[in-house]
């Protein structure tokens, strides 16, 4: 077993528990407009918490599930993924778009569109 295979599940579990207990998730990442029409799933394949969803024209990261590890960022071939606090002002609509998308998404439908690598 490699160090990464052992530590990532433990770290992800601890971060997720902390976020759930305290209702915080200040480290989420956002998929911006560069993903539209691309939908390459290399980012989803490295996500340790499987927080990527197929939103039709693009992928979206669930802001309540993302632990902010950043593993997806270098995997994106179009540089569409950014930490939410680094999203340029002209792309801020994608922060709200993700929040609305997941707030309105029925749980039963969510599992059907989750990107499972």
Protein backbone atom coordinates (compact mmCIF):
# COMPACT_ATOMS: atom_id res chain seq x y z
CA UNK A 1 0.00 0.00 0.00
CA UNK A 2 1.40 3.38 -0.93
CA UNK A 3 1.46 6.39 1.34
CA UNK A 4 -1.16 8.16 -0.82
CA UNK A 5 -3.53 5.18 -0.87
CA UNK A 6 -3.37 4.95 2.91
CA UNK A 7 -3.49 8.63 3.84
CA UNK A 8 -6.01 10.08 1.39
CA UNK A 9 -9.02 8.11 2.65
CA UNK A 10 -8.15 9.00 6.25
CA UNK A 11 -7.59 12.68 5.44
CA UNK A 12 -10.75 12.90 3.33
CA UNK A 13 -12.77 11.29 6.09
CA UNK A 14 -11.47 13.73 8.70
CA UNK A 15 -12.05 16.78 6.49
CA UNK A 16 -15.55 15.66 5.54
CA UNK A 17 -16.51 15.00 9.17
CA UNK A 18 -15.23 18.41 10.21
CA UNK A 19 -17.15 20.15 7.42
CA UNK A 20 -20.35 18.32 8.31
CA UNK A 21 -20.03 18.95 12.04
CA UNK A 22 -19.38 22.66 11.67
CA UNK A 23 -21.36 23.35 8.50
CA UNK A 24 -18.27 24.79 6.89
CA UNK A 25 -16.85 24.32 3.47
CA UNK A 26 -14.68 27.28 2.67
CA UNK A 27 -12.23 25.36 0.51
CA UNK A 28 -14.36 24.25 -2.41
CA UNK A 29 -13.31 24.52 -6.02
CA UNK A 30 -15.37 25.82 -8.93
CA UNK A 31 -15.57 24.70 -12.55
CA UNK A 32 -15.63 27.80 -14.75
CA UNK A 33 -16.76 28.50 -18.32
CA UNK A 34 -13.68 26.94 -19.94
CA UNK A 35 -15.28 23.53 -19.27
CA UNK A 36 -18.33 24.26 -21.40
CA UNK A 37 -18.35 21.79 -24.25
CA UNK A 38 -15.26 19.97 -22.97
CA UNK A 39 -16.40 17.79 -20.06
CA UNK A 40 -13.11 15.92 -19.85
CA UNK A 41 -13.33 13.66 -16.79
CA UNK A 42 -9.62 13.49 -15.90
CA UNK A 43 -10.40 15.78 -12.97
CA UNK A 44 -13.11 13.46 -11.66
CA UNK A 45 -10.81 10.43 -11.87
CA UNK A 46 -8.44 11.91 -9.26
CA UNK A 47 -11.11 13.32 -6.92
CA UNK A 48 -10.92 11.42 -3.61
CA UNK A 49 -14.52 12.31 -2.66
CA UNK A 50 -16.25 11.98 -6.06
CA UNK A 51 -17.80 15.47 -5.99
CA UNK A 52 -18.05 15.98 -9.77
CA UNK A 53 -21.43 15.94 -11.52
CA UNK A 54 -22.51 16.08 -15.15
CA UNK A 55 -24.49 19.31 -15.50
CA UNK A 56 -25.22 18.97 -19.19
CA UNK A 57 -22.92 21.37 -21.00
CA UNK A 58 -20.18 21.09 -18.38
CA UNK A 59 -19.09 19.34 -15.21
CA UNK A 60 -19.79 20.90 -11.81
CA UNK A 61 -18.21 20.41 -8.43
CA UNK A 62 -20.60 20.07 -5.52
CA UNK A 63 -19.54 22.90 -3.16
CA UNK A 64 -20.78 20.98 -0.12
CA UNK A 65 -18.81 17.84 -0.96
CA UNK A 66 -15.53 19.28 -2.24
CA UNK A 67 -12.78 19.15 0.40
CA UNK A 68 -10.53 21.60 -1.43
CA UNK A 69 -7.61 19.19 -1.88
CA UNK A 70 -6.82 20.62 -5.33
CA UNK A 71 -5.92 17.30 -6.97
CA UNK A 72 -8.32 18.07 -9.81
CA UNK A 73 -6.77 21.43 -10.73
CA UNK A 74 -3.67 20.21 -12.61
CA UNK A 75 -5.68 17.42 -14.28
CA UNK A 76 -8.06 19.80 -16.06
CA UNK A 77 -6.87 20.13 -19.69
CA UNK A 78 -8.56 23.54 -20.10
CA UNK A 79 -7.64 25.06 -16.69
CA UNK A 80 -11.32 25.47 -15.81
CA UNK A 81 -11.03 24.54 -12.10
CA UNK A 82 -10.11 27.12 -9.49
CA UNK A 83 -10.40 27.51 -5.73
CA UNK A 84 -13.59 29.55 -5.20
CA UNK A 85 -11.68 32.49 -3.72
CA UNK A 86 -9.48 32.70 -6.86
CA UNK A 87 -12.28 32.73 -9.43
CA UNK A 88 -11.94 35.93 -11.50
CA UNK A 89 -14.76 38.43 -11.20
CA UNK A 90 -15.95 37.80 -14.76
CA UNK A 91 -16.45 34.09 -13.80
CA UNK A 92 -18.17 34.64 -10.43
CA UNK A 93 -21.50 33.58 -11.91
CA UNK A 94 -20.19 29.99 -11.89
CA UNK A 95 -19.92 30.01 -8.10
CA UNK A 96 -23.60 30.90 -7.78
CA UNK A 97 -24.51 28.63 -10.65
CA UNK A 98 -23.05 25.60 -8.84
CA UNK A 99 -24.72 26.55 -5.55
CA UNK A 100 -28.12 26.92 -7.26
CA UNK A 101 -27.69 23.77 -9.32
CA UNK A 102 -27.10 21.60 -6.25
CA UNK A 103 -29.69 23.37 -4.10
CA UNK A 104 -32.37 22.57 -6.70
CA UNK A 105 -31.16 19.05 -7.56
CA UNK A 106 -33.25 16.21 -6.08
CA UNK A 107 -31.05 13.68 -4.24
CA UNK A 108 -32.34 10.78 -6.34
CA UNK A 109 -31.28 12.55 -9.52
CA UNK A 110 -27.91 13.59 -8.06
CA UNK A 111 -26.61 10.03 -7.90
CA UNK A 112 -27.63 9.46 -11.51
CA UNK A 113 -25.47 12.35 -12.76
CA UNK A 114 -22.48 11.92 -10.41
CA UNK A 115 -19.34 11.38 -12.47
CA UNK A 116 -17.91 8.08 -11.28
CA UNK A 117 -14.50 7.41 -12.79
